Amino acid sequence: MSIANYEYKREQARTARHEAADLRDLHLSASCGLELRMNYGTRHVADHIARRIADSYTIWAAEYDCIADRLESEMAAMLTKEAPHE
């Protein structure tokens, strides 16, 4: 086990958890009932498209959670491996 490798995985897992939280916050904002606009607010986005965009945030958040889960599992495995006998 490399301490640098463990720290890298820990930072990546932390980043993935933050990304997931940010995406869930975006979902709350995108689904609050306000209309979605683009081109600096000059064009309205159709409601059915705006709902699909809002729904995709939770899917992406779940993907980031899966990444973090995998990394945390790898970290746990790194800690439970038996040290080589010298």
Protein backbone atom coordinates (compact mmCIF):
# COMPACT_ATOMS: atom_id res chain seq x y z
CA MET A 1 0.00 0.00 0.00
CA SER A 2 1.29 3.40 -0.89
CA ILE A 3 0.32 6.29 1.35
CA ALA A 4 0.33 8.58 -1.69
CA ASN A 5 -2.05 6.22 -3.51
CA TYR A 6 -4.35 6.06 -0.48
CA GLU A 7 -4.37 9.86 -0.15
CA TYR A 8 -5.08 10.23 -3.87
CA LYS A 9 -8.07 7.88 -3.62
CA ARG A 10 -9.29 9.69 -0.49
CA GLU A 11 -9.18 13.06 -2.26
CA GLN A 12 -10.92 11.64 -5.34
CA ALA A 13 -13.66 10.10 -3.17
CA ARG A 14 -14.13 13.40 -1.33
CA THR A 15 -14.36 15.26 -4.64
CA ALA A 16 -16.91 12.76 -5.95
CA ARG A 17 -19.07 13.20 -2.83
CA HIS A 18 -18.94 16.99 -3.23
CA GLU A 19 -19.89 16.70 -6.92
CA ALA A 20 -22.84 14.48 -5.99
CA ALA A 21 -24.02 17.00 -3.39
CA ASP A 22 -23.67 19.88 -5.85
CA LEU A 23 -25.69 17.99 -8.46
CA ARG A 24 -28.44 17.28 -5.93
CA ASP A 25 -28.52 21.00 -5.10
CA LEU A 26 -28.78 21.78 -8.81
CA HIS A 27 -31.69 19.35 -9.04
CA LEU A 28 -33.49 21.21 -6.25
CA SER A 29 -32.92 24.53 -8.02
CA ALA A 30 -33.88 23.17 -11.43
CA SER A 31 -37.08 21.58 -10.15
CA CYS A 32 -38.30 24.46 -7.98
CA GLY A 33 -40.91 25.57 -10.50
CA LEU A 34 -39.13 28.49 -12.11
CA GLU A 35 -38.87 28.32 -15.86
CA LEU A 36 -35.52 27.47 -17.42
CA ARG A 37 -34.08 30.05 -19.78
CA MET A 38 -31.00 30.11 -21.99
CA ASN A 39 -29.04 32.58 -24.11
CA TYR A 40 -28.71 35.02 -21.23
CA GLY A 41 -32.41 34.69 -20.42
CA THR A 42 -33.69 35.55 -23.90
CA ARG A 43 -35.04 32.07 -24.75
CA HIS A 44 -37.44 29.86 -22.83
CA VAL A 45 -36.67 26.14 -22.54
CA ALA A 46 -39.72 23.92 -22.99
CA ASP A 47 -40.94 22.47 -19.69
CA HIS A 48 -40.56 18.84 -20.79
CA ILE A 49 -36.91 19.47 -21.67
CA ALA A 50 -36.27 21.37 -18.44
CA ARG A 51 -37.70 18.42 -16.46
CA ARG A 52 -35.39 16.00 -18.28
CA ILE A 53 -32.42 18.22 -17.51
CA ALA A 54 -33.41 18.44 -13.83
CA ASP A 55 -33.91 14.66 -13.64
CA SER A 56 -30.48 14.02 -15.13
CA TYR A 57 -28.80 15.78 -12.19
CA THR A 58 -29.89 13.04 -9.79
CA ILE A 59 -28.63 10.36 -12.18
CA TRP A 60 -25.24 12.05 -12.39
CA ALA A 61 -25.18 12.43 -8.60
CA ALA A 62 -25.77 8.69 -8.20
CA GLU A 63 -22.90 8.00 -10.61
CA TYR A 64 -20.57 10.16 -8.51
CA ASP A 65 -21.74 8.33 -5.37
CA CYS A 66 -20.89 5.00 -7.05
CA ILE A 67 -17.42 6.31 -7.87
CA ALA A 68 -16.93 7.43 -4.27
CA ASP A 69 -18.22 4.07 -2.97
CA ARG A 70 -15.76 2.19 -5.18
CA LEU A 71 -12.84 4.37 -4.12
CA GLU A 72 -13.75 4.05 -0.43
CA SER A 73 -14.00 0.27 -0.83
CA GLU A 74 -10.55 0.21 -2.42
CA MET A 75 -9.23 2.33 0.45
CA ALA A 76 -10.71 -0.05 3.02
CA ALA A 77 -9.12 -2.98 1.21
CA MET A 78 -5.77 -1.19 1.29
CA LEU A 79 -6.02 -0.90 5.07
CA THR A 80 -7.07 -4.50 5.69
CA LYS A 81 -4.40 -6.18 3.58
CA GLU A 82 -1.85 -8.04 5.59
CA ALA A 83 1.61 -6.51 5.57
CA PRO A 84 4.18 -8.65 3.74
CA HIS A 85 6.36 -10.81 5.99
CA GLU A 86 9.99 -9.84 6.04
